[in-house]
N, C-alpha and C. Protein backbone atom coordinates (compact mmCIF):
# COMPACT_ATOMS: atom_id res chain seq x y z
N UNK A 1 68.40 -80.85 218.80
CA UNK A 1 68.77 -79.97 216.94
C UNK A 1 70.09 -79.48 217.50
N UNK A 2 71.28 -79.63 217.18
CA UNK A 2 72.28 -78.88 217.10
C UNK A 2 72.44 -77.44 216.41
N UNK A 3 72.91 -76.07 216.75
CA UNK A 3 72.07 -74.90 216.04
C UNK A 3 72.95 -74.87 214.70
N UNK A 4 72.78 -74.60 213.91
CA UNK A 4 73.76 -74.39 212.45
C UNK A 4 75.10 -73.52 212.90
N UNK A 5 75.88 -73.40 212.02
CA UNK A 5 77.46 -73.10 212.62
C UNK A 5 77.10 -71.33 211.66
N UNK A 6 77.81 -70.75 211.84
CA UNK A 6 77.62 -69.24 211.33
C UNK A 6 77.75 -69.46 209.81
N UNK A 7 77.23 -68.47 209.06
CA UNK A 7 77.41 -68.37 207.55
C UNK A 7 78.33 -68.65 207.21
N UNK A 8 79.73 -67.68 207.77
CA UNK A 8 81.35 -68.05 207.28
C UNK A 8 81.53 -69.31 207.46
N UNK A 9 81.48 -69.77 208.74
CA UNK A 9 81.64 -71.34 208.82
C UNK A 9 80.88 -72.72 207.60
N UNK A 10 79.90 -72.27 207.06
CA UNK A 10 78.95 -72.74 206.06
C UNK A 10 79.98 -72.74 204.86
N UNK A 11 79.69 -71.65 204.40
CA UNK A 11 80.79 -71.36 203.34
C UNK A 11 82.32 -72.19 203.12
N UNK A 12 83.31 -72.49 203.86
CA UNK A 12 84.46 -72.91 204.16
C UNK A 12 83.80 -74.46 204.19
N UNK A 13 82.91 -74.82 204.84
CA UNK A 13 82.63 -75.94 204.90
C UNK A 13 82.35 -76.80 203.24
N UNK A 14 81.27 -75.82 202.80
CA UNK A 14 80.67 -76.22 201.45
C UNK A 14 81.83 -76.16 200.10
N UNK A 15 83.02 -75.15 200.73
CA UNK A 15 84.27 -74.87 199.60
C UNK A 15 85.27 -76.12 199.95
N UNK A 16 85.17 -76.57 201.03
CA UNK A 16 86.12 -77.78 201.52
C UNK A 16 85.09 -78.99 200.82
N UNK A 17 84.26 -79.13 200.73
CA UNK A 17 83.56 -80.66 199.82
C UNK A 17 83.45 -80.50 198.76
N UNK A 18 83.65 -79.17 198.04
CA UNK A 18 83.52 -78.87 196.75
C UNK A 18 84.72 -79.38 195.50
N UNK A 19 85.93 -78.94 197.16
CA UNK A 19 87.50 -79.05 196.47
C UNK A 19 87.86 -80.91 196.33
N UNK A 20 87.10 -81.65 197.66
CA UNK A 20 87.36 -82.91 197.31
C UNK A 20 86.58 -83.83 196.42
N UNK A 21 85.53 -82.86 196.08
CA UNK A 21 84.50 -83.72 194.92
C UNK A 21 85.63 -83.12 193.35
N UNK A 22 86.20 -82.00 193.31
CA UNK A 22 86.82 -82.05 192.07
C UNK A 22 88.28 -82.94 192.11
N UNK A 23 88.85 -83.12 192.85
CA UNK A 23 90.20 -84.28 193.48
C UNK A 23 89.86 -85.44 192.95
N UNK A 24 88.30 -85.64 193.49
CA UNK A 24 88.08 -87.59 193.72
C UNK A 24 87.64 -87.74 191.65
N UNK A 25 86.62 -86.49 191.09
CA UNK A 25 86.66 -86.66 189.42
C UNK A 25 87.99 -86.74 189.16
N UNK A 26 88.88 -85.58 188.95
CA UNK A 26 90.50 -86.11 188.55
C UNK A 26 91.07 -87.17 188.38
N UNK A 27 91.07 -87.81 189.86
CA UNK A 27 91.19 -88.80 189.41
C UNK A 27 90.55 -90.06 188.88
N UNK A 28 89.38 -90.20 188.85
CA UNK A 28 88.62 -91.04 187.99
C UNK A 28 88.93 -90.93 186.61
N UNK A 29 88.98 -89.21 186.12
CA UNK A 29 89.24 -89.47 184.77
C UNK A 29 90.71 -90.31 184.44
N UNK A 30 91.46 -90.42 185.02
CA UNK A 30 92.88 -90.58 184.80
C UNK A 30 93.10 -92.54 184.63
N UNK A 31 91.66 -92.95 185.33
CA UNK A 31 91.59 -94.10 185.40
C UNK A 31 91.76 -94.81 184.19
N UNK A 32 91.95 -95.98 183.78
CA UNK A 32 91.83 -96.84 182.83
C UNK A 32 90.33 -97.47 182.88
N UNK A 33 89.59 -97.35 181.98
CA UNK A 33 88.42 -97.59 181.71
C UNK A 33 88.41 -99.33 181.81
N UNK A 34 86.81 -99.73 182.46
CA UNK A 34 87.09 -101.34 182.56
C UNK A 34 85.48 -101.47 182.20
N UNK A 35 85.43 -102.23 181.45
CA UNK A 35 83.95 -103.26 180.85
C UNK A 35 83.85 -104.30 181.28
N UNK A 36 82.57 -104.60 181.70
CA UNK A 36 82.58 -106.12 182.22
C UNK A 36 82.53 -107.13 180.98
N UNK A 37 82.61 -108.36 180.91
CA UNK A 37 82.82 -109.38 179.48
C UNK A 37 81.54 -109.79 179.95
N UNK A 38 80.88 -110.12 178.51
CA UNK A 38 79.54 -110.36 178.77
C UNK A 38 79.14 -111.73 178.03
N UNK A 39 79.69 -111.43 176.73
CA UNK A 39 79.82 -113.05 175.63
C UNK A 39 80.43 -113.94 175.99
N UNK A 40 79.48 -115.30 175.50
CA UNK A 40 80.79 -116.29 175.81
C UNK A 40 81.52 -116.66 175.20
N UNK A 41 81.67 -116.38 173.78
CA UNK A 41 83.05 -116.20 172.78
C UNK A 41 84.52 -115.81 174.02
N UNK A 42 83.75 -114.86 174.43
CA UNK A 42 85.21 -113.68 175.18
C UNK A 42 85.58 -114.59 176.66
N UNK A 43 84.49 -115.67 177.09
CA UNK A 43 85.22 -116.17 178.38
C UNK A 43 86.08 -117.55 177.47
N UNK A 44 85.26 -118.29 176.67
CA UNK A 44 86.38 -119.19 176.06
C UNK A 44 87.57 -118.77 175.45
N UNK A 45 87.17 -117.64 175.03
CA UNK A 45 88.92 -117.20 174.83
C UNK A 45 90.03 -117.03 175.52
N UNK A 46 89.55 -116.53 176.38
CA UNK A 46 90.23 -116.40 177.77
C UNK A 46 90.38 -117.11 178.53
N UNK A 47 89.92 -118.13 178.93
CA UNK A 47 90.16 -119.19 178.82
C UNK A 47 91.16 -120.01 178.62
N UNK A 48 91.26 -119.89 176.92
CA UNK A 48 92.48 -120.64 176.15
C UNK A 48 93.68 -119.90 176.49
N UNK A 49 93.97 -119.09 176.72
CA UNK A 49 95.07 -117.87 177.04
C UNK A 49 96.10 -118.51 178.41
N UNK A 50 96.21 -117.14 178.78
CA UNK A 50 96.97 -117.38 180.31
C UNK A 50 96.29 -117.86 181.38
N UNK A 51 97.04 -118.28 182.16
CA UNK A 51 95.95 -118.43 183.52
C UNK A 51 97.27 -118.44 184.69
N UNK A 52 96.70 -118.16 185.92
CA UNK A 52 97.49 -118.10 186.90
C UNK A 52 96.48 -118.20 188.23
N UNK A 53 97.05 -118.90 188.81
CA UNK A 53 96.01 -119.67 189.85
C UNK A 53 96.41 -118.80 191.16
N UNK A 54 95.24 -118.98 192.15
CA UNK A 54 95.39 -117.99 193.57
C UNK A 54 94.53 -118.89 194.48
N UNK A 55 95.11 -118.72 195.57
CA UNK A 55 94.89 -119.39 196.72
C UNK A 55 92.93 -119.16 196.82
N UNK A 56 92.83 -117.54 196.42
CA UNK A 56 91.39 -117.39 196.54
C UNK A 56 90.72 -117.01 195.28
N UNK A 57 91.18 -117.50 194.29
CA UNK A 57 90.35 -117.58 192.72
C UNK A 57 91.85 -117.69 191.75
N UNK A 58 91.18 -118.07 190.28
CA UNK A 58 91.92 -118.43 189.02
C UNK A 58 91.82 -117.55 187.94
N UNK A 59 93.02 -116.79 187.86
CA UNK A 59 92.67 -115.17 186.79
C UNK A 59 93.39 -115.79 185.84
N UNK A 60 92.01 -116.03 184.33
CA UNK A 60 92.86 -116.10 183.12
C UNK A 60 92.65 -114.75 182.62
N UNK A 61 93.72 -114.63 181.44
CA UNK A 61 94.10 -113.50 180.77
C UNK A 61 94.28 -113.75 179.30
N UNK A 62 94.39 -112.74 178.59
CA UNK A 62 94.47 -112.30 176.84
C UNK A 62 94.76 -111.36 176.21
N UNK A 63 95.81 -111.28 175.61
CA UNK A 63 95.56 -109.63 175.02
C UNK A 63 94.89 -109.98 173.99
N UNK A 64 93.75 -108.65 173.69
CA UNK A 64 93.33 -108.40 172.33
C UNK A 64 94.00 -108.06 171.25
N UNK A 65 93.29 -109.10 170.31
CA UNK A 65 94.20 -108.39 169.18
C UNK A 65 93.73 -106.81 168.72
N UNK A 66 94.72 -106.56 167.99
CA UNK A 66 94.85 -104.71 168.02
C UNK A 66 93.19 -104.27 167.23
N UNK A 67 92.81 -105.36 165.89
CA UNK A 67 91.77 -104.52 165.46
C UNK A 67 90.18 -105.30 166.34
N UNK A 68 90.25 -106.09 167.35
CA UNK A 68 89.13 -106.23 168.20
C UNK A 68 88.89 -104.89 168.55
N UNK A 69 87.55 -104.67 169.16
CA UNK A 69 86.96 -103.38 169.29
C UNK A 69 87.48 -103.11 170.95
N UNK A 70 87.22 -101.76 171.19
CA UNK A 70 87.72 -101.42 172.18
C UNK A 70 88.67 -101.70 173.17
N UNK A 71 89.74 -101.70 171.88
CA UNK A 71 91.69 -102.10 172.34
C UNK A 71 92.41 -101.43 173.85
N UNK A 72 91.95 -100.28 173.83
CA UNK A 72 91.99 -99.37 174.75
C UNK A 72 91.63 -99.54 176.32
N UNK A 73 90.69 -100.49 176.25
CA UNK A 73 89.98 -100.58 177.17
C UNK A 73 90.33 -102.40 178.35
N UNK A 74 90.11 -102.38 179.79
CA UNK A 74 90.41 -103.34 180.46
C UNK A 74 88.80 -103.86 180.66
N UNK A 75 88.96 -105.21 179.90
CA UNK A 75 87.87 -106.14 180.03
C UNK A 75 87.83 -106.98 181.01
N UNK A 76 86.99 -107.35 182.25
CA UNK A 76 86.97 -108.55 183.10
C UNK A 76 85.75 -109.13 183.51
N UNK A 77 85.38 -110.21 183.20
CA UNK A 77 84.79 -111.49 183.64
C UNK A 77 84.91 -112.01 185.07
N UNK A 78 83.35 -112.34 185.18
CA UNK A 78 83.63 -112.99 186.84
C UNK A 78 82.87 -114.00 186.58
N UNK A 79 83.06 -115.42 186.92
CA UNK A 79 82.34 -116.94 186.74
C UNK A 79 82.65 -117.59 188.11
N UNK A 80 81.67 -117.84 188.74
CA UNK A 80 81.33 -119.08 189.76
C UNK A 80 80.74 -120.48 189.57
N UNK A 81 81.02 -121.59 189.72
CA UNK A 81 80.78 -122.57 188.96
C UNK A 81 79.54 -122.64 190.35
N UNK A 82 78.61 -124.15 189.99
CA UNK A 82 77.85 -124.64 191.16
C UNK A 82 78.59 -124.99 192.09
N UNK A 83 79.72 -125.41 191.65
CA UNK A 83 80.91 -125.92 193.09
C UNK A 83 81.21 -125.14 194.31
N UNK A 84 81.06 -123.76 193.83
CA UNK A 84 80.82 -122.69 195.13
C UNK A 84 80.43 -122.73 196.05
N UNK A 85 78.83 -123.46 195.41
CA UNK A 85 77.15 -123.46 196.36
C UNK A 85 76.05 -123.34 195.72
N UNK A 86 75.45 -122.36 196.66
CA UNK A 86 74.23 -122.78 196.12
C UNK A 86 74.28 -120.81 195.67
N UNK A 87 72.74 -120.53 194.73
CA UNK A 87 73.33 -118.99 194.05
C UNK A 87 73.56 -117.90 195.48
N UNK A 88 73.13 -118.26 196.49
CA UNK A 88 73.54 -117.25 197.45
C UNK A 88 75.38 -116.84 197.22
N UNK A 89 75.92 -117.74 198.01
CA UNK A 89 77.02 -118.05 197.73
C UNK A 89 77.86 -117.94 196.50
N UNK A 90 77.45 -118.32 195.26
CA UNK A 90 77.61 -117.72 194.04
C UNK A 90 78.08 -116.40 193.51
N UNK A 91 76.50 -115.65 194.27
CA UNK A 91 76.51 -114.42 193.81
C UNK A 91 77.50 -113.77 195.04
N UNK A 92 77.74 -114.13 196.27
CA UNK A 92 78.69 -113.43 197.35
C UNK A 92 80.16 -113.81 196.62
N UNK A 93 80.22 -114.66 195.70
CA UNK A 93 81.88 -114.61 195.46
C UNK A 93 82.16 -114.01 194.30
N UNK A 94 80.79 -113.69 193.60
CA UNK A 94 80.73 -112.79 192.42
C UNK A 94 81.12 -111.91 192.97
N UNK A 95 80.58 -110.53 193.69
CA UNK A 95 80.60 -109.49 194.46
C UNK A 95 82.00 -109.56 194.82
N UNK A 96 82.39 -110.22 195.88
CA UNK A 96 83.97 -110.22 196.00
C UNK A 96 84.87 -110.23 194.97
N UNK A 97 84.84 -111.08 194.46
CA UNK A 97 85.56 -110.59 192.55
C UNK A 97 85.25 -109.26 192.35
N UNK A 98 84.16 -108.95 192.25
CA UNK A 98 84.18 -107.46 191.51
C UNK A 98 84.67 -106.51 191.98
N UNK A 99 84.31 -106.21 193.47
CA UNK A 99 85.25 -105.22 194.29
C UNK A 99 86.55 -105.81 194.48
N UNK A 100 87.24 -107.00 194.49
CA UNK A 100 88.52 -107.19 194.41
C UNK A 100 89.22 -106.18 192.38
N UNK A 101 88.35 -106.72 191.86
CA UNK A 101 88.84 -106.62 190.52
C UNK A 101 88.70 -104.21 190.50
N UNK A 102 87.68 -104.02 190.91
CA UNK A 102 87.62 -102.44 190.77
C UNK A 102 88.52 -102.06 191.39
N UNK A 103 88.97 -102.62 192.46
CA UNK A 103 90.19 -101.90 193.66
C UNK A 103 91.87 -101.89 192.83
N UNK A 104 91.85 -103.20 192.47
CA UNK A 104 93.37 -103.53 191.86
C UNK A 104 93.76 -103.60 190.49
N UNK A 105 92.15 -103.58 189.43
CA UNK A 105 92.63 -103.97 188.38
C UNK A 105 93.15 -102.60 187.26
N UNK A 106 92.40 -101.30 187.94
CA UNK A 106 92.88 -99.94 187.37
C UNK A 106 94.52 -99.83 187.08
N UNK A 107 94.96 -100.28 188.33
CA UNK A 107 96.63 -99.97 188.43
C UNK A 107 97.30 -100.95 188.09
N UNK A 108 97.02 -102.15 187.78
CA UNK A 108 97.95 -103.35 187.53
C UNK A 108 97.63 -103.62 186.22
N UNK A 109 96.50 -103.74 186.08
CA UNK A 109 95.44 -103.98 184.41
C UNK A 109 96.22 -103.89 183.61
N UNK A 110 96.47 -104.22 182.22
CA UNK A 110 97.28 -103.05 180.74
C UNK A 110 95.89 -103.32 180.09
N UNK A 111 95.53 -101.64 179.47
CA UNK A 111 94.32 -101.99 178.31
C UNK A 111 95.02 -102.73 177.34
N UNK A 112 94.17 -103.15 176.72
CA UNK A 112 94.02 -104.36 175.58
C UNK A 112 93.75 -105.63 175.84
N UNK A 113 93.49 -106.24 177.08
CA UNK A 113 93.56 -107.42 177.52
C UNK A 113 91.94 -107.64 178.41
N UNK A 114 91.72 -108.61 177.73
CA UNK A 114 90.75 -109.36 179.31
C UNK A 114 91.04 -110.21 179.89
N UNK A 115 90.45 -110.22 180.89
CA UNK A 115 90.65 -110.95 182.18
C UNK A 115 89.33 -111.13 182.87
N UNK A 116 89.59 -112.87 183.45
CA UNK A 116 88.19 -113.69 183.89
C UNK A 116 89.17 -114.06 185.06
N UNK A 117 87.91 -113.51 186.17
CA UNK A 117 88.38 -114.08 187.69
C UNK A 117 87.64 -115.02 187.76
N UNK A 118 88.13 -116.42 188.20
CA UNK A 118 86.90 -117.42 188.41
C UNK A 118 87.05 -118.07 189.84
N UNK A 119 85.63 -118.14 190.30
CA UNK A 119 85.81 -117.96 191.87
C UNK A 119 86.50 -119.50 192.41
N UNK A 120 87.07 -120.22 193.18
CA UNK A 120 86.96 -120.84 194.27
C UNK A 120 86.29 -121.85 195.09
N UNK A 121 86.35 -123.04 195.05
CA UNK A 121 85.14 -123.35 196.19
C UNK A 121 86.21 -123.02 197.33
N UNK A 122 85.06 -123.00 198.43
CA UNK A 122 85.70 -122.58 199.85
C UNK A 122 86.54 -121.51 200.29
N UNK A 123 86.78 -120.81 199.24
CA UNK A 123 87.91 -120.26 198.87
C UNK A 123 87.74 -118.28 198.60
N UNK A 124 87.03 -118.30 197.71
CA UNK A 124 86.52 -117.31 197.49
C UNK A 124 85.51 -116.55 198.21
N UNK A 125 84.73 -116.91 198.60
CA UNK A 125 83.77 -116.40 199.85
C UNK A 125 84.41 -116.33 201.20
N UNK A 126 85.12 -117.46 201.61
CA UNK A 126 85.74 -117.64 203.19
C UNK A 126 86.89 -116.75 203.37
N UNK A 127 88.26 -116.32 202.30
CA UNK A 127 89.52 -116.32 202.48
C UNK A 127 89.14 -114.87 202.58
N UNK A 128 90.13 -114.39 203.45
CA UNK A 128 90.15 -112.59 203.92
C UNK A 128 90.62 -111.83 202.94
N UNK A 129 89.58 -110.36 202.61
CA UNK A 129 89.81 -109.76 201.36
C UNK A 129 91.19 -109.61 201.23
N UNK A 130 91.88 -108.94 202.41
CA UNK A 130 93.19 -108.39 201.98
C UNK A 130 94.17 -109.58 201.47
N UNK A 131 93.98 -110.42 201.45
CA UNK A 131 94.85 -112.14 201.31
C UNK A 131 94.23 -111.97 199.95
N UNK A 132 93.09 -111.85 199.12
CA UNK A 132 92.47 -112.28 197.78
C UNK A 132 93.13 -110.57 197.71
N UNK A 133 93.43 -109.94 197.64
CA UNK A 133 93.64 -108.38 197.26
C UNK A 133 95.18 -109.10 196.97
N UNK A 134 96.31 -109.25 197.69
CA UNK A 134 97.25 -109.48 197.59
C UNK A 134 97.62 -110.96 196.73
N UNK A 135 96.64 -111.86 196.68
CA UNK A 135 96.58 -112.81 195.62
C UNK A 135 96.28 -112.44 193.83
N UNK A 136 95.58 -111.03 193.73
CA UNK A 136 95.54 -110.49 192.85
C UNK A 136 96.53 -109.79 192.42
N UNK A 137 97.07 -109.11 193.14
CA UNK A 137 98.22 -108.32 193.02
C UNK A 137 99.07 -109.30 192.08
N UNK A 138 99.54 -110.35 192.76
CA UNK A 138 100.86 -111.24 192.82
C UNK A 138 100.31 -111.99 191.03
N UNK A 139 99.16 -112.22 190.47
CA UNK A 139 99.02 -113.24 189.61
C UNK A 139 98.76 -111.99 188.58
N UNK A 140 98.40 -110.90 188.73
CA UNK A 140 98.21 -109.89 187.77
C UNK A 140 100.15 -109.54 187.26
N UNK A 141 100.64 -109.58 188.08
CA UNK A 141 101.93 -109.24 188.24
C UNK A 141 102.73 -110.29 187.30
N UNK A 142 102.62 -111.68 188.12
CA UNK A 142 102.84 -113.02 187.03
C UNK A 142 102.27 -113.34 185.92
N UNK A 143 100.87 -112.63 185.52
CA UNK A 143 100.66 -113.00 184.22
C UNK A 143 101.50 -112.24 182.92
N UNK A 144 102.10 -110.95 183.86
CA UNK A 144 101.90 -109.49 182.64
C UNK A 144 104.14 -109.79 182.72
N UNK A 145 104.52 -110.69 183.74
CA UNK A 145 105.96 -110.89 183.15
C UNK A 145 106.42 -111.52 182.22
N UNK A 146 107.62 -110.76 182.02
CA UNK A 146 108.46 -111.93 180.56
C UNK A 146 108.01 -113.28 180.58
N UNK A 147 107.99 -114.15 179.43
CA UNK A 147 108.38 -115.31 179.82
C UNK A 147 109.53 -115.70 180.52
N UNK A 148 109.65 -117.06 180.93
CA UNK A 148 111.18 -117.19 180.78
C UNK A 148 111.55 -118.55 179.99
N UNK A 149 112.55 -118.21 179.24
CA UNK A 149 112.55 -119.17 178.30
C UNK A 149 112.17 -120.98 178.93
N UNK A 150 111.75 -121.95 178.02
CA UNK A 150 111.84 -123.01 178.17
C UNK A 150 113.05 -124.06 178.52
N UNK A 151 112.93 -124.48 179.20
CA UNK A 151 113.89 -125.74 179.53
C UNK A 151 113.97 -126.70 178.61
N UNK A 152 113.33 -127.02 178.03
CA UNK A 152 113.61 -128.07 177.19
C UNK A 152 114.17 -127.69 176.25
N UNK A 153 113.62 -126.47 175.62
CA UNK A 153 114.60 -125.74 174.33
C UNK A 153 115.73 -125.30 174.69
N UNK A 154 116.15 -124.66 175.75
CA UNK A 154 117.20 -124.55 175.86
C UNK A 154 118.10 -125.92 175.89
N UNK A 155 117.88 -126.94 176.70
CA UNK A 155 118.26 -127.99 176.59
C UNK A 155 118.96 -128.83 174.98
N UNK A 156 118.13 -128.84 174.21
CA UNK A 156 117.85 -129.02 172.87
C UNK A 156 118.61 -128.25 172.18
N UNK A 157 118.49 -127.09 172.11
CA UNK A 157 119.35 -126.24 172.08
C UNK A 157 121.31 -126.22 171.82
N UNK A 158 121.41 -126.68 173.50
CA UNK A 158 122.84 -126.58 173.59
C UNK A 158 123.62 -128.17 173.59
N UNK A 159 122.52 -129.02 173.19
CA UNK A 159 122.37 -130.76 172.62
C UNK A 159 123.32 -130.76 173.82
N UNK A 160 122.73 -131.40 175.22
CA UNK A 160 123.06 -131.17 176.21
C UNK A 160 123.01 -132.56 176.48
N UNK A 161 124.84 -133.22 176.32
CA UNK A 161 125.25 -134.54 176.53
C UNK A 161 125.15 -135.32 177.59
N UNK A 162 124.84 -134.42 179.14
CA UNK A 162 124.68 -135.04 179.73
C UNK A 162 123.60 -135.85 179.65
N UNK A 163 122.42 -134.74 179.49
CA UNK A 163 121.19 -135.81 179.03
C UNK A 163 121.08 -137.11 178.48
N UNK A 164 121.65 -136.92 177.05
CA UNK A 164 121.84 -138.27 176.08
C UNK A 164 122.38 -139.58 176.94
N UNK A 165 123.12 -138.98 177.84
CA UNK A 165 124.44 -139.92 178.37
C UNK A 165 123.79 -140.43 179.45
N UNK A 166 122.86 -139.92 180.36
CA UNK A 166 121.85 -140.75 181.57
C UNK A 166 121.20 -141.95 180.72
N UNK A 167 120.07 -141.03 179.43
CA UNK A 167 119.43 -142.22 179.13
C UNK A 167 119.95 -143.15 178.28
N UNK A 168 121.30 -142.85 178.10
CA UNK A 168 121.98 -144.29 177.35
C UNK A 168 122.48 -145.63 178.65
N UNK A 169 122.30 -145.05 180.07
CA UNK A 169 122.71 -145.10 181.10
C UNK A 169 121.33 -146.11 181.32
N UNK A 170 120.51 -146.31 181.41
CA UNK A 170 119.32 -146.22 181.64
C UNK A 170 118.70 -146.97 180.86
N UNK A 171 119.13 -147.33 179.85
CA UNK A 171 118.70 -148.17 178.90
C UNK A 171 119.38 -148.80 179.18
N UNK A 172 121.01 -149.25 179.62
CA UNK A 172 122.03 -150.09 179.66
C UNK A 172 121.95 -150.60 181.07
N UNK A 173 121.32 -150.41 182.18
CA UNK A 173 120.74 -150.89 183.24
C UNK A 173 119.93 -151.49 183.05
N UNK A 174 118.76 -151.01 182.07
CA UNK A 174 117.43 -152.14 182.31
C UNK A 174 117.89 -153.83 181.18
N UNK A 175 118.80 -153.75 180.43
CA UNK A 175 119.27 -154.33 179.70
C UNK A 175 119.74 -155.07 181.09
N UNK A 176 121.05 -155.10 181.65
CA UNK A 176 120.99 -155.96 182.18
C UNK A 176 120.19 -156.34 183.21
N UNK A 177 119.37 -155.35 183.99
CA UNK A 177 118.70 -156.35 184.56
C UNK A 177 117.47 -157.05 183.83
N UNK A 178 117.57 -156.74 182.57
CA UNK A 178 116.79 -158.27 181.84
C UNK A 178 117.11 -159.00 182.20
N UNK A 179 118.64 -159.21 181.59
CA UNK A 179 119.26 -160.43 181.38
C UNK A 179 119.29 -161.44 182.77
N UNK A 180 119.64 -160.56 183.71
CA UNK A 180 119.79 -160.84 185.28
C UNK A 180 118.59 -161.99 185.80
N UNK A 181 117.07 -161.20 185.20
CA UNK A 181 115.99 -162.16 185.25
C UNK A 181 115.82 -162.96 184.72
N UNK A 182 116.41 -163.00 183.34
CA UNK A 182 116.44 -163.84 182.66
C UNK A 182 117.14 -165.54 182.80
N UNK A 183 118.46 -165.55 183.75
CA UNK A 183 119.41 -166.27 184.12
C UNK A 183 118.32 -167.28 185.49
């Protein structure tokens, strides 16, 4: 067993670790609080809102109404069906999703939102964790990106005449094809 360092050295070591502990607690208090979704209605509401697929999982997200409780909290749920595999595989997939959410969500997720991470068969368990990290980062960015205008709504608002002409042409061609088959 090595001898203990002199008392002066022990004080330096102990004060250094105290500084690190206070820095960690300061960072932890600056993070947004995360809660786990536990009620089925919360999962169903998230499932009927926005979705973003990724190679390792599916991300479902919804903004909570202001009158709902905990509007300043990020709530995250995890689900893995029997398609993932047996209980061991499902639990492993959920553990990976929880670790992923703890690492990425505080920086990118928005308070007042519910998120559900849905595991994918043969992907959540076997995919490299760095790739899962990248997938969640991209999925959250896309979920919170401003919506693009619907191209169909833009076409109808413009009164796109080319689209109308093409449909007239196709009906004329089909009429000609019918006449040719009758002869």
